[in-house]
Amino acid sequence: MVLFGKREVVFKVRGDKARWKAARAAVETAGIQIMEASSYEGEIPLCSCGAKIDRRNYGPNGWIDRRIYYIAVRPENAEQAKALLADI
């Protein structure tokens, strides 16, 4: 991860961590430098107590992944990364 410089998001997916990991590995093996590869909450939890425990996740269907995963690269590498990630 590079701290400074412009970055462009080339991959964004909601709730599919396995696909995000595969995309990140593909970009790394292609030799493209990743500026940022992280995730953030897609929805605010229903609980207002600050615990960030979402009671919707504890039903019969189990935990629901509501996170948004993304990968950002340098602008000069964006087109190459987008072409690489088109089929992932």
PDB file of N, CA and C in Angstrom:
ATOM      1  N   MET A   1       0.836  -1.172   0.000  1.00  0.00           N
ATOM      2  CA  MET A   1       0.000   0.000   0.000  1.00  0.00           C
ATOM      3  C   MET A   1       0.880   1.233   0.000  1.00  0.00           C
ATOM      4  N   VAL A   2       0.606   2.145  -0.897  1.00  0.00           N
ATOM      5  CA  VAL A   2       1.345   3.391  -1.008  1.00  0.00           C
ATOM      6  C   VAL A   2       0.546   4.477  -0.312  1.00  0.00           C
ATOM      7  N   LEU A   3       1.241   5.320   0.459  1.00  0.00           N
ATOM      8  CA  LEU A   3       0.526   6.298   1.262  1.00  0.00           C
ATOM      9  C   LEU A   3       0.145   7.558   0.492  1.00  0.00           C
ATOM     10  N   PHE A   4       1.013   8.058  -0.376  1.00  0.00           N
ATOM     11  CA  PHE A   4       0.770   9.342  -1.015  1.00  0.00           C
ATOM     12  C   PHE A   4       0.632   9.183  -2.519  1.00  0.00           C
ATOM     13  N   GLY A   5      -0.155  10.035  -3.118  1.00  0.00           N
ATOM     14  CA  GLY A   5      -0.346  10.017  -4.561  1.00  0.00           C
ATOM     15  C   GLY A   5      -1.804   9.870  -4.919  1.00  0.00           C
ATOM     16  N   LYS A   6      -2.096  10.176  -6.165  1.00  0.00           N
ATOM     17  CA  LYS A   6      -3.468  10.030  -6.644  1.00  0.00           C
ATOM     18  C   LYS A   6      -3.783   8.560  -6.832  1.00  0.00           C
ATOM     19  N   ARG A   7      -5.038   8.232  -6.663  1.00  0.00           N
ATOM     20  CA  ARG A   7      -5.477   6.850  -6.818  1.00  0.00           C
ATOM     21  C   ARG A   7      -6.828   6.825  -7.506  1.00  0.00           C
ATOM     22  N   GLU A   8      -7.053   5.737  -8.205  1.00  0.00           N
ATOM     23  CA  GLU A   8      -8.315   5.549  -8.916  1.00  0.00           C
ATOM     24  C   GLU A   8      -8.860   4.173  -8.579  1.00  0.00           C
ATOM     25  N   VAL A   9     -10.123   4.125  -8.192  1.00  0.00           N
ATOM     26  CA  VAL A   9     -10.762   2.861  -7.834  1.00  0.00           C
ATOM     27  C   VAL A   9     -11.051   2.087  -9.112  1.00  0.00           C
ATOM     28  N   VAL A  10     -10.515   0.868  -9.192  1.00  0.00           N
ATOM     29  CA  VAL A  10     -10.685   0.030 -10.380  1.00  0.00           C
ATOM     30  C   VAL A  10     -11.562  -1.186 -10.105  1.00  0.00           C
ATOM     31  N   PHE A  11     -11.818  -1.477  -8.854  1.00  0.00           N
ATOM     32  CA  PHE A  11     -12.617  -2.649  -8.491  1.00  0.00           C
ATOM     33  C   PHE A  11     -13.422  -2.311  -7.250  1.00  0.00           C
ATOM     34  N   LYS A  12     -14.716  -2.588  -7.290  1.00  0.00           N
ATOM     35  CA  LYS A  12     -15.580  -2.346  -6.140  1.00  0.00           C
ATOM     36  C   LYS A  12     -16.673  -3.398  -6.139  1.00  0.00           C
ATOM     37  N   VAL A  13     -16.831  -4.081  -5.025  1.00  0.00           N
ATOM     38  CA  VAL A  13     -17.831  -5.137  -4.917  1.00  0.00           C
ATOM     39  C   VAL A  13     -18.420  -5.100  -3.508  1.00  0.00           C
ATOM     40  N   ARG A  14     -19.685  -5.478  -3.423  1.00  0.00           N
ATOM     41  CA  ARG A  14     -20.371  -5.461  -2.132  1.00  0.00           C
ATOM     42  C   ARG A  14     -20.621  -6.890  -1.660  1.00  0.00           C
ATOM     43  N   GLY A  15     -20.081  -7.211  -0.486  1.00  0.00           N
ATOM     44  CA  GLY A  15     -20.384  -8.492   0.154  1.00  0.00           C
ATOM     45  C   GLY A  15     -19.748  -9.720  -0.449  1.00  0.00           C
ATOM     46  N   ASP A  16     -18.675  -9.584  -1.190  1.00  0.00           N
ATOM     47  CA  ASP A  16     -18.023 -10.743  -1.809  1.00  0.00           C
ATOM     48  C   ASP A  16     -16.520 -10.672  -1.545  1.00  0.00           C
ATOM     49  N   LYS A  17     -16.125 -11.050  -0.340  1.00  0.00           N
ATOM     50  CA  LYS A  17     -14.728 -10.957   0.066  1.00  0.00           C
ATOM     51  C   LYS A  17     -13.834 -11.891  -0.738  1.00  0.00           C
ATOM     52  N   ALA A  18     -14.325 -13.054  -1.084  1.00  0.00           N
ATOM     53  CA  ALA A  18     -13.526 -14.015  -1.854  1.00  0.00           C
ATOM     54  C   ALA A  18     -13.187 -13.447  -3.239  1.00  0.00           C
ATOM     55  N   ARG A  19     -14.147 -12.810  -3.876  1.00  0.00           N
ATOM     56  CA  ARG A  19     -13.903 -12.205  -5.196  1.00  0.00           C
ATOM     57  C   ARG A  19     -12.914 -11.049  -5.096  1.00  0.00           C
ATOM     58  N   TRP A  20     -13.002 -10.259  -4.016  1.00  0.00           N
ATOM     59  CA  TRP A  20     -12.074  -9.152  -3.778  1.00  0.00           C
ATOM     60  C   TRP A  20     -10.651  -9.668  -3.581  1.00  0.00           C
ATOM     61  N   LYS A  21     -10.507 -10.754  -2.829  1.00  0.00           N
ATOM     62  CA  LYS A  21      -9.183 -11.344  -2.618  1.00  0.00           C
ATOM     63  C   LYS A  21      -8.608 -11.874  -3.925  1.00  0.00           C
ATOM     64  N   ALA A  22      -9.449 -12.487  -4.760  1.00  0.00           N
ATOM     65  CA  ALA A  22      -8.986 -12.981  -6.058  1.00  0.00           C
ATOM     66  C   ALA A  22      -8.555 -11.825  -6.965  1.00  0.00           C
ATOM     67  N   ALA A  23      -9.301 -10.744  -6.945  1.00  0.00           N
ATOM     68  CA  ALA A  23      -8.948  -9.572  -7.752  1.00  0.00           C
ATOM     69  C   ALA A  23      -7.649  -8.947  -7.262  1.00  0.00           C
ATOM     70  N   ARG A  24      -7.490  -8.861  -5.961  1.00  0.00           N
ATOM     71  CA  ARG A  24      -6.258  -8.295  -5.396  1.00  0.00           C
ATOM     72  C   ARG A  24      -5.046  -9.147  -5.757  1.00  0.00           C
ATOM     73  N   ALA A  25      -5.192 -10.473  -5.701  1.00  0.00           N
ATOM     74  CA  ALA A  25      -4.092 -11.364  -6.073  1.00  0.00           C
ATOM     75  C   ALA A  25      -3.767 -11.241  -7.556  1.00  0.00           C
ATOM     76  N   ALA A  26      -4.788 -11.090  -8.399  1.00  0.00           N
ATOM     77  CA  ALA A  26      -4.560 -10.947  -9.838  1.00  0.00           C
ATOM     78  C   ALA A  26      -3.801  -9.660 -10.153  1.00  0.00           C
ATOM     79  N   VAL A  27      -4.157  -8.581  -9.486  1.00  0.00           N
ATOM     80  CA  VAL A  27      -3.466  -7.302  -9.708  1.00  0.00           C
ATOM     81  C   VAL A  27      -2.020  -7.393  -9.233  1.00  0.00           C
ATOM     82  N   GLU A  28      -1.802  -8.027  -8.098  1.00  0.00           N
ATOM     83  CA  GLU A  28      -0.437  -8.161  -7.568  1.00  0.00           C
ATOM     84  C   GLU A  28       0.431  -9.034  -8.472  1.00  0.00           C
ATOM     85  N   THR A  29      -0.105 -10.125  -8.981  1.00  0.00           N
ATOM     86  CA  THR A  29       0.692 -11.010  -9.838  1.00  0.00           C
ATOM     87  C   THR A  29       0.978 -10.372 -11.200  1.00  0.00           C
ATOM     88  N   ALA A  30       0.126  -9.436 -11.629  1.00  0.00           N
ATOM     89  CA  ALA A  30       0.366  -8.723 -12.890  1.00  0.00           C
ATOM     90  C   ALA A  30       1.435  -7.650 -12.738  1.00  0.00           C
ATOM     91  N   GLY A  31       1.852  -7.379 -11.514  1.00  0.00           N
ATOM     92  CA  GLY A  31       2.901  -6.396 -11.271  1.00  0.00           C
ATOM     93  C   GLY A  31       2.406  -4.966 -11.163  1.00  0.00           C
ATOM     94  N   ILE A  32       1.108  -4.783 -11.009  1.00  0.00           N
ATOM     95  CA  ILE A  32       0.544  -3.444 -10.848  1.00  0.00           C
ATOM     96  C   ILE A  32       0.581  -3.090  -9.367  1.00  0.00           C
ATOM     97  N   GLN A  33       1.101  -1.910  -9.058  1.00  0.00           N
ATOM     98  CA  GLN A  33       1.222  -1.489  -7.667  1.00  0.00           C
ATOM     99  C   GLN A  33      -0.134  -1.032  -7.143  1.00  0.00           C
ATOM    100  N   ILE A  34      -0.587  -1.644  -6.061  1.00  0.00           N
ATOM    101  CA  ILE A  34      -1.864  -1.303  -5.444  1.00  0.00           C
ATOM    102  C   ILE A  34      -1.649  -0.126  -4.503  1.00  0.00           C
ATOM    103  N   MET A  35      -2.437   0.927  -4.710  1.00  0.00           N
ATOM    104  CA  MET A  35      -2.371   2.089  -3.824  1.00  0.00           C
ATOM    105  C   MET A  35      -3.151   1.823  -2.542  1.00  0.00           C
ATOM    106  N   GLU A  36      -4.312   1.195  -2.702  1.00  0.00           N
ATOM    107  CA  GLU A  36      -5.158   0.929  -1.543  1.00  0.00           C
ATOM    108  C   GLU A  36      -6.072  -0.247  -1.850  1.00  0.00           C
ATOM    109  N   ALA A  37      -6.186  -1.176  -0.930  1.00  0.00           N
ATOM    110  CA  ALA A  37      -7.103  -2.305  -1.031  1.00  0.00           C
ATOM    111  C   ALA A  37      -7.709  -2.495   0.348  1.00  0.00           C
ATOM    112  N   SER A  38      -8.965  -2.093   0.479  1.00  0.00           N
ATOM    113  CA  SER A  38      -9.575  -2.095   1.803  1.00  0.00           C
ATOM    114  C   SER A  38     -11.081  -2.302   1.687  1.00  0.00           C
ATOM    115  N   SER A  39     -11.783  -2.086   2.800  1.00  0.00           N
ATOM    116  CA  SER A  39     -13.232  -2.214   2.816  1.00  0.00           C
ATOM    117  C   SER A  39     -13.812  -1.226   3.820  1.00  0.00           C
ATOM    118  N   TYR A  40     -15.108  -0.984   3.680  1.00  0.00           N
ATOM    119  CA  TYR A  40     -15.809  -0.127   4.632  1.00  0.00           C
ATOM    120  C   TYR A  40     -17.244  -0.626   4.760  1.00  0.00           C
ATOM    121  N   GLU A  41     -17.930  -0.169   5.796  1.00  0.00           N
ATOM    122  CA  GLU A  41     -19.297  -0.597   6.048  1.00  0.00           C
ATOM    123  C   GLU A  41     -20.226  -0.061   4.968  1.00  0.00           C
ATOM    124  N   GLY A  42     -21.037  -0.928   4.409  1.00  0.00           N
ATOM    125  CA  GLY A  42     -21.978  -0.524   3.379  1.00  0.00           C
ATOM    126  C   GLY A  42     -23.266   0.037   3.953  1.00  0.00           C
ATOM    127  N   GLU A  43     -23.652  -0.413   5.118  1.00  0.00           N
ATOM    128  CA  GLU A  43     -24.866   0.046   5.785  1.00  0.00           C
ATOM    129  C   GLU A  43     -24.558   0.354   7.238  1.00  0.00           C
ATOM    130  N   ILE A  44     -25.274   1.292   7.773  1.00  0.00           N
ATOM    131  CA  ILE A  44     -25.134   1.612   9.192  1.00  0.00           C
ATOM    132  C   ILE A  44     -25.903   0.554   9.983  1.00  0.00           C
ATOM    133  N   PRO A  45     -25.313   0.002  11.050  1.00  0.00           N
ATOM    134  CA  PRO A  45     -26.025  -0.997  11.852  1.00  0.00           C
ATOM    135  C   PRO A  45     -27.296  -0.422  12.477  1.00  0.00           C
ATOM    136  N   LEU A  46     -28.270  -1.266  12.735  1.00  0.00           N
ATOM    137  CA  LEU A  46     -29.531  -0.824  13.325  1.00  0.00           C
ATOM    138  C   LEU A  46     -29.378  -0.376  14.762  1.00  0.00           C
ATOM    139  N   CYS A  47     -28.423  -0.930  15.461  1.00  0.00           N
ATOM    140  CA  CYS A  47     -28.206  -0.608  16.863  1.00  0.00           C
ATOM    141  C   CYS A  47     -27.680   0.819  16.989  1.00  0.00           C
ATOM    142  N   SER A  48     -28.200   1.581  17.911  1.00  0.00           N
ATOM    143  CA  SER A  48     -27.736   2.956  18.097  1.00  0.00           C
ATOM    144  C   SER A  48     -26.848   3.106  19.323  1.00  0.00           C
ATOM    145  N   CYS A  49     -26.406   1.993  19.903  1.00  0.00           N
ATOM    146  CA  CYS A  49     -25.617   2.057  21.122  1.00  0.00           C
ATOM    147  C   CYS A  49     -24.123   2.228  20.850  1.00  0.00           C
ATOM    148  N   GLY A  50     -23.708   2.197  19.583  1.00  0.00           N
ATOM    149  CA  GLY A  50     -22.299   2.369  19.255  1.00  0.00           C
ATOM    150  C   GLY A  50     -21.506   1.076  19.240  1.00  0.00           C
ATOM    151  N   ALA A  51     -22.154  -0.046  19.491  1.00  0.00           N
ATOM    152  CA  ALA A  51     -21.454  -1.322  19.551  1.00  0.00           C
ATOM    153  C   ALA A  51     -21.189  -1.905  18.169  1.00  0.00           C
ATOM    154  N   LYS A  52     -21.855  -1.404  17.131  1.00  0.00           N
ATOM    155  CA  LYS A  52     -21.727  -1.891  15.758  1.00  0.00           C
ATOM    156  C   LYS A  52     -22.068  -3.373  15.652  1.00  0.00           C
ATOM    157  N   ILE A  53     -23.036  -3.795  16.418  1.00  0.00           N
ATOM    158  CA  ILE A  53     -23.545  -5.157  16.329  1.00  0.00           C
ATOM    159  C   ILE A  53     -24.893  -5.067  15.635  1.00  0.00           C
ATOM    160  N   ASP A  54     -25.005  -5.677  14.503  1.00  0.00           N
ATOM    161  CA  ASP A  54     -26.229  -5.612  13.722  1.00  0.00           C
ATOM    162  C   ASP A  54     -27.076  -6.833  14.019  1.00  0.00           C
ATOM    163  N   ARG A  55     -28.235  -6.622  14.616  1.00  0.00           N
ATOM    164  CA  ARG A  55     -29.070  -7.754  15.026  1.00  0.00           C
ATOM    165  C   ARG A  55     -29.671  -8.504  13.846  1.00  0.00           C
ATOM    166  N   ARG A  56     -29.624  -7.931  12.637  1.00  0.00           N
ATOM    167  CA  ARG A  56     -30.125  -8.629  11.460  1.00  0.00           C
ATOM    168  C   ARG A  56     -29.240  -9.808  11.080  1.00  0.00           C
ATOM    169  N   ASN A  57     -28.001  -9.826  11.575  1.00  0.00           N
ATOM    170  CA  ASN A  57     -27.052 -10.877  11.220  1.00  0.00           C
ATOM    171  C   ASN A  57     -27.209 -12.147  12.037  1.00  0.00           C
ATOM    172  N   TYR A  58     -28.005 -12.126  13.065  1.00  0.00           N
ATOM    173  CA  TYR A  58     -28.084 -13.270  13.979  1.00  0.00           C
ATOM    174  C   TYR A  58     -29.419 -13.987  13.872  1.00  0.00           C
ATOM    175  N   GLY A  59     -29.838 -14.273  12.670  1.00  0.00           N
ATOM    176  CA  GLY A  59     -31.073 -15.013  12.437  1.00  0.00           C
ATOM    177  C   GLY A  59     -30.772 -16.407  11.941  1.00  0.00           C
ATOM    178  N   PRO A  60     -31.747 -17.046  11.352  1.00  0.00           N
ATOM    179  CA  PRO A  60     -31.550 -18.416  10.873  1.00  0.00           C
ATOM    180  C   PRO A  60     -30.589 -18.510   9.691  1.00  0.00           C
ATOM    181  N   ASN A  61     -30.402 -17.438   8.957  1.00  0.00           N
ATOM    182  CA  ASN A  61     -29.517 -17.468   7.792  1.00  0.00           C
ATOM    183  C   ASN A  61     -28.076 -17.086   8.117  1.00  0.00           C
ATOM    184  N   GLY A  62     -27.788 -16.667   9.319  1.00  0.00           N
ATOM    185  CA  GLY A  62     -26.429 -16.351   9.719  1.00  0.00           C
ATOM    186  C   GLY A  62     -25.973 -14.961   9.316  1.00  0.00           C
ATOM    187  N   TRP A  63     -24.676 -14.761   9.353  1.00  0.00           N
ATOM    188  CA  TRP A  63     -24.070 -13.449   9.142  1.00  0.00           C
ATOM    189  C   TRP A  63     -24.181 -13.015   7.684  1.00  0.00           C
ATOM    190  N   ILE A  64     -24.520 -11.750   7.473  1.00  0.00           N
ATOM    191  CA  ILE A  64     -24.640 -11.173   6.140  1.00  0.00           C
ATOM    192  C   ILE A  64     -23.495 -10.192   5.948  1.00  0.00           C
ATOM    193  N   ASP A  65     -22.747 -10.355   4.871  1.00  0.00           N
ATOM    194  CA  ASP A  65     -21.617  -9.471   4.590  1.00  0.00           C
ATOM    195  C   ASP A  65     -22.132  -8.220   3.883  1.00  0.00           C
ATOM    196  N   ARG A  66     -22.151  -7.100   4.594  1.00  0.00           N
ATOM    197  CA  ARG A  66     -22.624  -5.840   4.041  1.00  0.00           C
ATOM    198  C   ARG A  66     -21.474  -4.885   3.733  1.00  0.00           C
ATOM    199  N   ARG A  67     -20.252  -5.352   3.828  1.00  0.00           N
ATOM    200  CA  ARG A  67     -19.092  -4.498   3.580  1.00  0.00           C
ATOM    201  C   ARG A  67     -18.898  -4.266   2.085  1.00  0.00           C
ATOM    202  N   ILE A  68     -18.293  -3.144   1.748  1.00  0.00           N
ATOM    203  CA  ILE A  68     -17.951  -2.820   0.371  1.00  0.00           C
ATOM    204  C   ILE A  68     -16.435  -2.909   0.262  1.00  0.00           C
ATOM    205  N   TYR A  69     -15.960  -3.790  -0.616  1.00  0.00           N
ATOM    206  CA  TYR A  69     -14.535  -4.019  -0.812  1.00  0.00           C
ATOM    207  C   TYR A  69     -14.093  -3.313  -2.088  1.00  0.00           C
ATOM    208  N   TYR A  70     -12.915  -2.701  -2.056  1.00  0.00           N
ATOM    209  CA  TYR A  70     -12.440  -1.969  -3.231  1.00  0.00           C
ATOM    210  C   TYR A  70     -10.927  -2.070  -3.374  1.00  0.00           C
ATOM    211  N   ILE A  71     -10.466  -1.795  -4.593  1.00  0.00           N
ATOM    212  CA  ILE A  71      -9.043  -1.768  -4.918  1.00  0.00           C
ATOM    213  C   ILE A  71      -8.794  -0.491  -5.701  1.00  0.00           C
ATOM    214  N   ALA A  72      -7.779   0.254  -5.293  1.00  0.00           N
ATOM    215  CA  ALA A  72      -7.408   1.487  -5.983  1.00  0.00           C
ATOM    216  C   ALA A  72      -5.945   1.408  -6.415  1.00  0.00           C
ATOM    217  N   VAL A  73      -5.672   1.889  -7.638  1.00  0.00           N
ATOM    218  CA  VAL A  73      -4.307   1.888  -8.185  1.00  0.00           C
ATOM    219  C   VAL A  73      -3.966   3.299  -8.673  1.00  0.00           C
ATOM    220  N   ARG A  74      -2.726   3.480  -9.117  1.00  0.00           N
ATOM    221  CA  ARG A  74      -2.316   4.767  -9.684  1.00  0.00           C
ATOM    222  C   ARG A  74      -3.097   5.029 -10.972  1.00  0.00           C
ATOM    223  N   PRO A  75      -3.386   6.301 -11.289  1.00  0.00           N
ATOM    224  CA  PRO A  75      -4.158   6.608 -12.506  1.00  0.00           C
ATOM    225  C   PRO A  75      -3.516   6.095 -13.791  1.00  0.00           C
ATOM    226  N   GLU A  76      -2.193   6.071 -13.875  1.00  0.00           N
ATOM    227  CA  GLU A  76      -1.535   5.596 -15.093  1.00  0.00           C
ATOM    228  C   GLU A  76      -1.669   4.079 -15.275  1.00  0.00           C
ATOM    229  N   ASN A  77      -1.984   3.347 -14.204  1.00  0.00           N
ATOM    230  CA  ASN A  77      -2.165   1.896 -14.280  1.00  0.00           C
ATOM    231  C   ASN A  77      -3.637   1.487 -14.279  1.00  0.00           C
ATOM    232  N   ALA A  78      -4.537   2.453 -14.255  1.00  0.00           N
ATOM    233  CA  ALA A  78      -5.961   2.158 -14.100  1.00  0.00           C
ATOM    234  C   ALA A  78      -6.527   1.375 -15.282  1.00  0.00           C
ATOM    235  N   GLU A  79      -6.210   1.776 -16.495  1.00  0.00           N
ATOM    236  CA  GLU A  79      -6.761   1.077 -17.662  1.00  0.00           C
ATOM    237  C   GLU A  79      -6.280  -0.365 -17.737  1.00  0.00           C
ATOM    238  N   GLN A  80      -5.009  -0.581 -17.428  1.00  0.00           N
ATOM    239  CA  GLN A  80      -4.455  -1.933 -17.436  1.00  0.00           C
ATOM    240  C   GLN A  80      -5.137  -2.794 -16.367  1.00  0.00           C
ATOM    241  N   ALA A  81      -5.345  -2.227 -15.180  1.00  0.00           N
ATOM    242  CA  ALA A  81      -5.981  -2.972 -14.095  1.00  0.00           C
ATOM    243  C   ALA A  81      -7.440  -3.265 -14.414  1.00  0.00           C
ATOM    244  N   LYS A  82      -8.152  -2.305 -15.011  1.00  0.00           N
ATOM    245  CA  LYS A  82      -9.560  -2.517 -15.373  1.00  0.00           C
ATOM    246  C   LYS A  82      -9.689  -3.626 -16.420  1.00  0.00           C
ATOM    247  N   ALA A  83      -8.767  -3.639 -17.381  1.00  0.00           N
ATOM    248  CA  ALA A  83      -8.804  -4.694 -18.397  1.00  0.00           C
ATOM    249  C   ALA A  83      -8.522  -6.061 -17.777  1.00  0.00           C
ATOM    250  N   LEU A  84      -7.614  -6.094 -16.807  1.00  0.00           N
ATOM    251  CA  LEU A  84      -7.280  -7.344 -16.132  1.00  0.00           C
ATOM    252  C   LEU A  84      -8.446  -7.853 -15.293  1.00  0.00           C
ATOM    253  N   LEU A  85      -9.174  -6.930 -14.655  1.00  0.00           N
ATOM    254  CA  LEU A  85     -10.252  -7.304 -13.740  1.00  0.00           C
ATOM    255  C   LEU A  85     -11.615  -7.399 -14.413  1.00  0.00           C
ATOM    256  N   ALA A  86     -11.672  -7.240 -15.710  1.00  0.00           N
ATOM    257  CA  ALA A  86     -12.958  -7.251 -16.415  1.00  0.00           C
ATOM    258  C   ALA A  86     -13.680  -8.590 -16.285  1.00  0.00           C
ATOM    259  N   ASP A  87     -12.944  -9.680 -16.225  1.00  0.00           N
ATOM    260  CA  ASP A  87     -13.578 -10.998 -16.178  1.00  0.00           C
ATOM    261  C   ASP A  87     -13.642 -11.599 -14.774  1.00  0.00           C
ATOM    262  N   ILE A  88     -13.191 -10.879 -13.791  1.00  0.00           N
ATOM    263  CA  ILE A  88     -13.230 -11.395 -12.399  1.00  0.00           C
ATOM    264  C   ILE A  88     -14.518 -10.985 -11.732  1.00  0.00           C
TER     265      ILE A  88
END
